[in-house]
Amino acid sequence: MPQTEQDKYAEENKRETKRYIKIALISFVTFVSCILFFFVMLRYQEFAGIFKKLIKCAEPIIIGLVLAYLLNPVMKFVEKPCLKYLSKRLKSEKKARKFSRAIGVFAAILFLFAVIGLLAAAIIPSVIDSVMGLVEIIPESVQKLVNFIQNGEFGDSEWAATLSDAITQGATYLGSWIQESLLPKAQTYISQITSGVISAVKSVLNFVIGIIVAMYCMTIQETLIGQAKKIIYAVFKPHTGNIIIETVRKSHEIFGGFISGKIVDSAIIGVICYVGCIILQMPDSMLIAVIVGATNVIPFFGPIIGAVPCVLLVLIQNPIQAVYLAIFILVLQQVDGNIIGPKILGDSTGLSSFWVMFAILVGGGMFGFFGMLLGVPAFAVIYYGTRRIVNYFIRKKGLPIGTGQYIRMVRVDEDKNTLVYFEGDESENTQEEEKISEEIKEDKN
């Protein structure tokens, strides 16, 4: 039935009304968002306090999720052979999976306690012995250092004498402070610590609850993953949901590969450092190995952060051995950076050295140690997402997505929608295109 003029007018009027309503809603939401933004900025401290309180309440859950993520590879490693073994001996596949998962979770938790116990057994006695040993040998070691400076290449120069006096005075002050201030007031410090027992117990309780949460998460991880995907596709369109799932999968690949690789790499470096210190007869070999291995998890600056306290610790006791230790750590970190690290980590983040340094500096400045540790994989995820978005819009405009193709271009030809280069640069650009062909294929996928 053909539409009359009145029906067409009514339909047009209806479309206009919907358009104005949409404009009004967008304007209202924008206005409210601006007000909320300025209100949050003006009341930043209050909102930050609320956020910190929420984080504090959710601390056991956060600890549990982090532990579950870190222990999941251990659980999978144990579960796989157990499932293969039990599947042949149990009639029910469901029971075999259930028992295998229980064994894997138990092995992961046992592994966690073993690591904590080994670290405590390695660090605590070494720290106590080092502190007590330093109190006893500081005068003798300082005198050796002074003699080394005076009898060394500096000779009897005025500079050597000044340096010797400064070292002697500093060591005397340090020894006096330890004997007269630190040790006598140890009881006072202990009594002050005991006043915070509630806080300490609460932290331990949060960790225990976190372990329980981790056990539950590892047990039902497939269900949790399925529920999360279901919510994503319920809220978003399939295309958007696919992008979110792909981004999460890529984030897991980056974080998982980086963290697990760094842990393995640092453990290997710690063992090699311990063996090397034993061969070189270094004092406090276990403590040095733990410090070097632990700080090695921080990319780029980790070796420097770990080497400084270790060299200072040995310098007080034996200056010559401190020099040997500095050389040994330097060689060890070069081996790690050029051989061991690349073999284990590969190109897990896809970042250049500049962006790695940038991520560590920004992450460390904003979030301290954990920012330095996780800044690289977090920035790698941001870098990956930004690259995907940029390539999407570039591809939508019909322009090439290879970064190398934009190095020597001067402008875009608006009529042909192509990149324009200086004369003679086309051949060089062709070679550049061949170098980045793999990157282009990856971006298109």
Protein backbone atom coordinates (compact mmCIF):
# COMPACT_ATOMS: atom_id res chain seq x y z
CA MET A 1 0.00 0.00 0.00
CA PRO A 2 1.62 3.30 -1.08
CA GLN A 3 2.39 5.84 1.62
CA THR A 4 0.45 9.07 1.67
CA GLU A 5 2.06 12.45 2.11
CA GLN A 6 0.78 12.52 5.67
CA ASP A 7 2.45 9.17 6.49
CA LYS A 8 5.73 10.30 4.99
CA TYR A 9 5.54 13.52 6.98
CA ALA A 10 4.84 11.59 10.20
CA GLU A 11 7.74 9.19 9.57
CA GLU A 12 10.11 12.08 8.83
CA ASN A 13 8.92 13.86 11.96
CA LYS A 14 9.54 10.70 13.99
CA ARG A 15 13.10 10.39 12.65
CA GLU A 16 13.79 14.05 13.47
CA THR A 17 12.44 13.55 17.00
CA LYS A 18 14.70 10.54 17.54
CA ARG A 19 17.68 12.51 16.23
CA TYR A 20 17.03 15.40 18.60
CA ILE A 21 16.52 13.03 21.52
CA LYS A 22 19.84 11.34 20.72
CA ILE A 23 21.61 14.73 20.52
CA ALA A 24 20.03 15.77 23.83
CA LEU A 25 21.12 12.52 25.53
CA ILE A 26 24.68 12.84 24.22
CA SER A 27 24.85 16.46 25.40
CA PHE A 28 23.48 15.52 28.81
CA VAL A 29 25.91 12.62 29.26
CA THR A 30 28.83 14.83 28.15
CA PHE A 31 27.79 17.57 30.56
CA VAL A 32 27.41 15.15 33.48
CA SER A 33 30.74 13.49 32.65
CA CYS A 34 32.52 16.87 32.70
CA ILE A 35 30.98 17.72 36.06
CA LEU A 36 31.99 14.35 37.50
CA PHE A 37 35.50 14.72 36.12
CA PHE A 38 36.03 18.15 37.73
CA PHE A 39 34.41 16.92 40.95
CA VAL A 40 36.82 13.97 41.08
CA MET A 41 39.77 16.29 40.43
CA LEU A 42 38.69 18.66 43.21
CA ARG A 43 38.10 15.79 45.64
CA TYR A 44 41.02 13.67 44.49
CA GLN A 45 42.27 12.87 48.00
CA GLU A 46 38.86 11.61 49.15
CA PHE A 47 38.41 9.46 46.04
CA ALA A 48 41.98 8.17 46.35
CA GLY A 49 41.24 7.23 49.95
CA ILE A 50 38.12 5.32 48.90
CA PHE A 51 40.09 3.55 46.18
CA LYS A 52 42.86 2.59 48.62
CA LYS A 53 40.26 1.29 51.05
CA LEU A 54 38.67 -0.86 48.35
CA ILE A 55 42.11 -2.19 47.37
CA LYS A 56 42.82 -2.96 51.04
CA CYS A 57 39.54 -4.85 51.41
CA ALA A 58 40.20 -6.78 48.19
CA GLU A 59 43.83 -7.51 49.11
CA PRO A 60 43.25 -11.26 49.82
CA ILE A 61 41.46 -11.64 46.47
CA ILE A 62 44.25 -9.78 44.63
CA ILE A 63 46.93 -11.89 46.34
CA GLY A 64 45.02 -15.05 45.45
CA LEU A 65 44.62 -14.09 41.79
CA VAL A 66 48.31 -13.19 41.48
CA LEU A 67 49.40 -16.45 43.15
CA ALA A 68 47.03 -18.45 40.97
CA TYR A 69 48.43 -16.80 37.83
CA LEU A 70 52.04 -17.44 38.88
CA LEU A 71 51.44 -21.01 40.08
CA ASN A 72 49.26 -22.06 37.15
CA PRO A 73 52.23 -23.25 35.01
CA VAL A 74 53.40 -25.46 37.90
CA MET A 75 49.90 -26.87 38.31
CA LYS A 76 49.61 -27.58 34.57
CA PHE A 77 53.06 -29.17 34.53
CA VAL A 78 52.06 -31.68 37.23
CA GLU A 79 48.45 -32.16 36.10
CA LYS A 80 49.23 -33.23 32.53
CA PRO A 81 51.21 -36.43 33.31
CA CYS A 82 48.86 -37.27 36.19
CA LEU A 83 45.85 -37.08 33.88
CA LYS A 84 47.58 -39.26 31.34
CA TYR A 85 48.39 -41.82 34.03
CA LEU A 86 44.96 -41.81 35.77
CA SER A 87 42.95 -41.88 32.52
CA LYS A 88 44.25 -45.38 31.85
CA ARG A 89 43.41 -46.64 35.36
CA LEU A 90 40.11 -44.96 36.17
CA LYS A 91 36.91 -45.74 34.32
CA SER A 92 35.51 -42.24 34.65
CA GLU A 93 37.25 -39.51 32.70
CA LYS A 94 35.63 -36.94 35.00
CA LYS A 95 37.18 -38.53 38.10
CA ALA A 96 40.57 -38.71 36.41
CA ARG A 97 40.44 -34.99 35.61
CA LYS A 98 39.26 -34.17 39.11
CA PHE A 99 42.03 -36.15 40.84
CA SER A 100 44.65 -34.81 38.42
CA ARG A 101 43.59 -31.22 39.09
CA ALA A 102 43.69 -31.81 42.86
CA ILE A 103 47.20 -33.27 42.63
CA GLY A 104 48.34 -30.37 40.44
CA VAL A 105 46.94 -27.73 42.83
CA PHE A 106 48.52 -29.47 45.83
CA ALA A 107 51.89 -29.64 44.04
CA ALA A 108 51.69 -25.93 43.13
CA ILE A 109 50.96 -24.90 46.74
CA LEU A 110 53.73 -27.20 47.96
CA PHE A 111 56.09 -25.59 45.46
CA LEU A 112 55.12 -22.13 46.79
CA PHE A 113 55.92 -23.10 50.40
CA ALA A 114 59.18 -24.72 49.28
CA VAL A 115 60.29 -21.53 47.53
CA ILE A 116 59.37 -19.39 50.55
CA GLY A 117 61.19 -21.79 52.90
CA LEU A 118 64.32 -21.93 50.75
CA LEU A 119 64.47 -18.13 50.42
CA ALA A 120 64.00 -17.68 54.17
CA ALA A 121 66.65 -20.31 54.93
CA ALA A 122 69.05 -18.66 52.49
CA ILE A 123 68.49 -15.01 53.42
CA ILE A 124 67.84 -14.84 57.18
CA PRO A 125 70.98 -16.66 58.43
CA SER A 126 73.16 -14.84 55.88
CA VAL A 127 71.80 -11.44 56.91
CA ILE A 128 72.35 -12.16 60.63
CA ASP A 129 75.86 -13.49 60.04
CA SER A 130 76.69 -10.52 57.80
CA VAL A 131 75.53 -7.93 60.36
CA MET A 132 77.36 -9.61 63.23
CA GLY A 133 80.46 -10.15 61.09
CA LEU A 134 80.52 -6.54 59.93
CA VAL A 135 80.46 -5.30 63.52
CA GLU A 136 83.52 -7.41 64.29
CA ILE A 137 85.61 -6.82 61.18
CA ILE A 138 84.81 -3.20 60.30
CA PRO A 139 87.91 -1.72 62.04
CA GLU A 140 90.30 -4.29 60.54
CA SER A 141 88.73 -4.10 57.06
CA VAL A 142 88.81 -0.31 57.02
CA GLN A 143 92.46 -0.31 58.00
CA LYS A 144 93.19 -2.71 55.13
CA LEU A 145 91.34 -0.42 52.74
CA VAL A 146 93.27 2.61 53.98
CA ASN A 147 96.56 0.76 53.59
CA PHE A 148 95.54 -0.31 50.09
CA ILE A 149 94.87 3.29 49.11
CA GLN A 150 98.05 4.66 50.69
CA ASN A 151 100.34 1.92 49.36
CA GLY A 152 98.66 1.64 45.98
CA GLU A 153 98.94 3.74 42.89
CA PHE A 154 97.90 6.86 44.78
CA GLY A 155 101.11 6.75 46.87
CA ASP A 156 101.46 9.33 49.60
CA SER A 157 99.52 12.00 47.82
CA GLU A 158 97.33 14.47 49.63
CA TRP A 159 94.25 13.04 47.91
CA ALA A 160 94.98 9.54 49.28
CA ALA A 161 95.44 10.92 52.77
CA THR A 162 92.15 12.83 52.62
CA LEU A 163 90.30 9.78 51.31
CA SER A 164 91.84 7.58 54.01
CA ASP A 165 90.78 9.99 56.75
CA ALA A 166 87.24 10.17 55.37
CA ILE A 167 86.94 6.37 55.19
CA THR A 168 88.34 5.98 58.71
CA GLN A 169 85.94 8.55 60.15
CA GLY A 170 82.96 7.05 58.33
CA ALA A 171 83.76 3.55 59.47
CA THR A 172 84.29 4.73 63.06
CA TYR A 173 80.91 6.47 63.01
CA LEU A 174 79.19 3.40 61.52
CA GLY A 175 80.71 1.06 64.09
CA SER A 176 79.81 3.39 66.96
CA TRP A 177 76.26 3.75 65.69
CA ILE A 178 75.80 -0.03 65.46
CA GLN A 179 77.26 -0.68 68.91
CA GLU A 180 75.91 2.34 70.79
CA SER A 181 72.59 3.02 69.05
CA LEU A 182 71.35 0.05 67.06
CA LEU A 183 72.16 -2.89 69.35
CA PRO A 184 71.29 -1.24 72.73
CA LYS A 185 67.97 -0.04 71.35
CA ALA A 186 67.13 -3.38 69.80
CA GLN A 187 64.78 -4.13 72.68
CA THR A 188 63.02 -0.80 72.12
CA TYR A 189 62.68 -1.53 68.44
CA ILE A 190 61.29 -4.98 69.20
CA SER A 191 58.72 -3.52 71.60
CA GLN A 192 57.68 -1.03 68.92
CA ILE A 193 57.37 -3.84 66.42
CA THR A 194 55.20 -5.84 68.80
CA SER A 195 52.79 -2.88 68.99
CA GLY A 196 52.05 -3.53 65.34
CA VAL A 197 51.31 -7.23 65.80
CA ILE A 198 47.71 -6.78 64.69
CA SER A 199 48.82 -5.34 61.36
CA ALA A 200 51.40 -8.11 60.88
CA VAL A 201 48.89 -10.83 61.74
CA LYS A 202 46.38 -9.26 59.36
CA SER A 203 48.95 -9.32 56.55
CA VAL A 204 49.74 -12.97 57.26
CA LEU A 205 46.02 -13.74 57.39
CA ASN A 206 45.49 -12.00 54.03
CA PHE A 207 48.29 -14.09 52.56
CA VAL A 208 46.78 -17.31 53.95
CA ILE A 209 43.35 -16.36 52.58
CA GLY A 210 45.06 -15.48 49.30
CA ILE A 211 46.50 -19.01 49.13
CA ILE A 212 43.00 -20.44 49.65
CA VAL A 213 41.62 -18.14 46.94
CA ALA A 214 44.44 -19.25 44.63
CA MET A 215 43.54 -22.89 45.23
CA TYR A 216 39.90 -22.25 44.32
CA CYS A 217 40.86 -20.21 41.24
CA MET A 218 43.20 -22.91 39.94
CA THR A 219 40.57 -25.58 40.60
CA ILE A 220 37.73 -23.87 38.70
CA GLN A 221 39.75 -21.77 36.24
CA GLU A 222 37.97 -23.15 33.16
CA THR A 223 34.58 -22.20 34.65
CA LEU A 224 35.80 -18.69 35.49
CA ILE A 225 37.19 -18.25 31.98
CA GLY A 226 33.90 -19.42 30.45
CA GLN A 227 31.86 -17.06 32.64
CA ALA A 228 34.09 -14.11 31.75
CA LYS A 229 33.74 -14.79 28.03
CA LYS A 230 29.99 -15.19 28.41
CA ILE A 231 29.71 -11.78 30.10
CA ILE A 232 31.87 -10.13 27.42
CA TYR A 233 29.70 -11.43 24.56
CA ALA A 234 26.54 -10.58 26.51
CA VAL A 235 27.58 -6.93 26.88
CA PHE A 236 29.40 -6.31 23.59
CA LYS A 237 28.77 -7.12 19.95
CA PRO A 238 30.52 -10.23 18.57
CA HIS A 239 33.10 -8.16 16.66
CA THR A 240 33.99 -6.10 19.75
CA GLY A 241 33.97 -9.22 21.90
CA ASN A 242 36.42 -10.91 19.54
CA ILE A 243 38.77 -7.92 19.82
CA ILE A 244 38.58 -8.00 23.63
CA ILE A 245 39.23 -11.75 23.79
CA GLU A 246 42.15 -11.44 21.37
CA THR A 247 43.63 -8.54 23.39
CA VAL A 248 43.31 -10.48 26.65
CA ARG A 249 44.92 -13.52 25.03
CA LYS A 250 47.80 -11.40 23.75
CA SER A 251 48.19 -9.78 27.19
CA HIS A 252 48.36 -13.20 28.80
CA GLU A 253 50.95 -14.26 26.26
CA ILE A 254 53.09 -11.19 26.96
CA PHE A 255 52.77 -11.25 30.77
CA GLY A 256 53.04 -15.02 31.07
CA GLY A 257 56.04 -15.29 28.78
CA PHE A 258 57.83 -12.37 30.38
CA ILE A 259 57.22 -13.26 34.04
CA SER A 260 57.85 -17.00 33.77
CA GLY A 261 60.89 -16.39 31.56
CA LYS A 262 62.30 -13.80 33.95
CA ILE A 263 61.83 -16.08 36.95
CA VAL A 264 63.63 -18.95 35.24
CA ASP A 265 66.35 -16.62 33.97
CA SER A 266 66.87 -15.08 37.42
CA ALA A 267 66.99 -18.50 39.08
CA ILE A 268 69.70 -19.63 36.65
CA ILE A 269 71.67 -16.41 37.22
CA GLY A 270 71.34 -16.83 41.00
CA VAL A 271 72.67 -20.41 40.87
CA ILE A 272 75.57 -19.44 38.57
CA CYS A 273 76.38 -16.47 40.81
CA TYR A 274 76.41 -18.70 43.90
CA VAL A 275 78.73 -21.24 42.27
CA GLY A 276 81.00 -18.44 41.05
CA CYS A 277 81.13 -16.83 44.49
CA ILE A 278 82.03 -20.17 46.05
CA ILE A 279 84.84 -20.65 43.53
CA LEU A 280 86.11 -17.11 44.14
CA GLN A 281 85.75 -17.66 47.92
CA MET A 282 83.55 -14.62 48.39
CA PRO A 283 82.10 -13.89 51.83
CA ASP A 284 78.30 -14.17 52.17
CA SER A 285 78.04 -16.10 48.88
CA MET A 286 74.43 -17.13 49.45
CA LEU A 287 73.27 -13.59 50.26
CA ILE A 288 75.06 -12.19 47.19
CA ALA A 289 73.52 -14.84 44.95
CA VAL A 290 70.01 -14.15 46.28
CA ILE A 291 70.40 -10.38 45.80
CA VAL A 292 71.78 -10.75 42.27
CA GLY A 293 69.11 -13.29 41.29
CA ALA A 294 66.22 -11.31 42.82
CA THR A 295 67.17 -7.98 41.27
CA ASN A 296 67.78 -9.64 37.89
CA VAL A 297 64.00 -9.87 37.40
CA ILE A 298 64.06 -6.10 36.77
CA PRO A 299 65.07 -5.52 33.16
CA PHE A 300 67.86 -3.14 32.21
CA PHE A 301 68.53 -1.62 35.67
CA GLY A 302 68.29 -4.85 37.69
CA PRO A 303 71.96 -5.87 37.34
CA ILE A 304 73.12 -2.43 38.52
CA ILE A 305 70.69 -2.40 41.45
CA GLY A 306 71.89 -5.84 42.55
CA ALA A 307 75.61 -5.27 41.99
CA VAL A 308 75.95 -2.09 44.08
CA PRO A 309 74.98 -3.50 47.53
CA CYS A 310 76.85 -6.75 46.88
CA VAL A 311 80.08 -4.95 45.97
CA LEU A 312 79.75 -2.61 48.97
CA LEU A 313 79.12 -5.59 51.26
CA VAL A 314 82.32 -7.29 50.12
CA LEU A 315 84.28 -4.01 49.90
CA ILE A 316 84.05 -3.52 53.65
CA GLN A 317 85.48 -6.97 54.26
CA ASN A 318 88.00 -7.31 51.43
CA PRO A 319 88.63 -4.57 48.82
CA ILE A 320 90.47 -6.87 46.42
CA GLN A 321 87.64 -9.41 46.41
CA ALA A 322 85.17 -6.56 45.84
CA VAL A 323 86.96 -5.74 42.60
CA TYR A 324 86.86 -9.40 41.56
CA LEU A 325 83.14 -9.55 42.44
CA ALA A 326 82.37 -6.44 40.38
CA ILE A 327 84.17 -7.95 37.37
CA PHE A 328 82.43 -11.31 37.87
CA ILE A 329 78.95 -9.73 38.10
CA LEU A 330 79.68 -7.61 35.02
CA VAL A 331 80.71 -10.68 33.02
CA LEU A 332 77.73 -12.66 34.36
CA GLN A 333 75.24 -9.98 33.36
CA GLN A 334 76.78 -9.72 29.89
CA VAL A 335 76.39 -13.48 29.48
CA ASP A 336 72.81 -13.21 30.70
CA GLY A 337 71.95 -10.25 28.46
CA ASN A 338 73.47 -11.74 25.31
CA ILE A 339 73.09 -15.50 25.71
CA ILE A 340 70.88 -16.80 28.55
CA GLY A 341 68.20 -14.09 28.53
CA PRO A 342 67.49 -14.09 24.77
CA LYS A 343 67.39 -17.91 24.73
CA ILE A 344 64.76 -18.04 27.50
CA LEU A 345 62.75 -14.87 26.91
CA GLY A 346 63.16 -14.45 23.17
CA ASP A 347 61.16 -11.43 21.97
CA SER A 348 58.33 -11.90 24.48
CA THR A 349 57.46 -8.19 24.71
CA GLY A 350 58.24 -6.95 21.19
CA LEU A 351 59.69 -3.70 22.57
CA SER A 352 62.92 -2.02 21.57
CA SER A 353 65.57 -1.11 24.17
CA PHE A 354 64.38 2.50 24.24
CA TRP A 355 60.79 1.56 25.10
CA VAL A 356 62.00 -0.96 27.70
CA MET A 357 63.97 1.78 29.46
CA PHE A 358 61.01 4.18 29.11
CA ALA A 359 58.60 1.64 30.66
CA ILE A 360 60.95 0.93 33.59
CA LEU A 361 61.53 4.61 34.38
CA VAL A 362 57.84 5.54 34.19
CA GLY A 363 56.65 2.40 35.98
CA GLY A 364 59.27 2.72 38.70
CA GLY A 365 58.55 6.40 39.21
CA MET A 366 54.82 5.82 39.58
CA PHE A 367 54.61 2.44 41.33
CA GLY A 368 58.06 1.74 42.78
CA PHE A 369 59.57 -1.74 42.64
CA PHE A 370 56.47 -3.44 41.22
CA GLY A 371 56.27 -0.72 38.58
CA MET A 372 59.84 -1.49 37.51
CA LEU A 373 59.06 -5.21 37.50
CA LEU A 374 55.74 -5.14 35.61
CA GLY A 375 56.18 -1.89 33.71
CA VAL A 376 57.71 -3.61 30.68
CA PRO A 377 54.94 -6.20 30.04
CA ALA A 378 52.24 -3.64 30.89
CA PHE A 379 53.69 -1.14 28.42
CA ALA A 380 54.07 -3.95 25.87
CA VAL A 381 50.32 -4.57 26.08
CA ILE A 382 49.62 -0.84 25.68
CA TYR A 383 52.05 -0.70 22.76
CA TYR A 384 50.35 -3.70 21.13
CA GLY A 385 46.88 -2.18 21.53
CA THR A 386 48.00 1.22 20.24
CA ARG A 387 49.65 -0.38 17.21
CA ARG A 388 46.47 -2.31 16.40
CA ILE A 389 44.32 0.82 16.64
CA VAL A 390 46.70 2.91 14.52
CA ASN A 391 46.97 0.19 11.88
CA TYR A 392 43.18 -0.15 11.80
CA PHE A 393 42.65 3.53 10.99
CA ILE A 394 45.60 3.62 8.57
CA ARG A 395 44.24 0.57 6.74
CA LYS A 396 40.75 2.12 6.71
CA LYS A 397 42.18 5.14 4.87
CA GLY A 398 43.80 2.90 2.27
CA LEU A 399 47.38 3.70 3.29
CA PRO A 400 50.19 1.18 3.88
CA ILE A 401 50.68 0.04 7.50
CA GLY A 402 54.42 -0.72 7.40
CA THR A 403 56.33 1.71 9.64
CA GLY A 404 59.40 1.62 7.41
CA GLN A 405 57.36 2.96 4.52
CA TYR A 406 56.84 6.27 6.36
CA ILE A 407 60.49 6.95 7.20
CA ARG A 408 61.42 8.80 4.00
CA MET A 409 58.00 9.88 2.80
CA VAL A 410 57.38 13.63 2.49
CA ARG A 411 53.61 13.74 2.01
CA VAL A 412 50.53 11.82 0.90
CA ASP A 413 49.22 12.31 -2.63
CA GLU A 414 45.61 13.29 -2.00
CA ASP A 415 44.46 12.33 -5.50
CA LYS A 416 46.10 8.89 -5.69
CA ASN A 417 46.12 8.29 -1.90
CA THR A 418 49.73 7.10 -2.05
CA LEU A 419 52.92 8.01 -0.22
CA VAL A 420 55.25 10.44 -2.00
CA TYR A 421 59.04 10.26 -1.57
CA PHE A 422 62.02 12.32 -2.61
CA GLU A 423 63.47 11.33 -5.97
CA GLY A 424 65.82 8.36 -5.64
CA ASP A 425 64.28 7.15 -2.38
CA GLU A 426 61.87 4.70 -3.98
CA SER A 427 64.50 1.95 -4.32
CA GLU A 428 65.65 2.40 -0.75
CA ASN A 429 62.06 2.33 0.37
CA THR A 430 61.50 -0.91 -1.53
CA GLN A 431 64.33 -2.52 0.44
CA GLU A 432 62.81 -1.20 3.64
CA GLU A 433 59.46 -2.71 2.67
CA GLU A 434 61.10 -6.11 2.22
CA LYS A 435 62.63 -5.90 5.70
CA ILE A 436 59.26 -5.24 7.34
CA SER A 437 57.15 -7.62 5.25
CA GLU A 438 56.80 -10.01 8.18
CA GLU A 439 55.59 -7.20 10.41
CA ILE A 440 53.00 -6.18 7.81
CA LYS A 441 51.68 -9.74 7.55
CA GLU A 442 51.43 -9.98 11.31
CA ASP A 443 49.52 -6.69 11.55
CA LYS A 444 47.09 -7.76 8.83
CA ASN A 445 46.37 -10.98 10.70
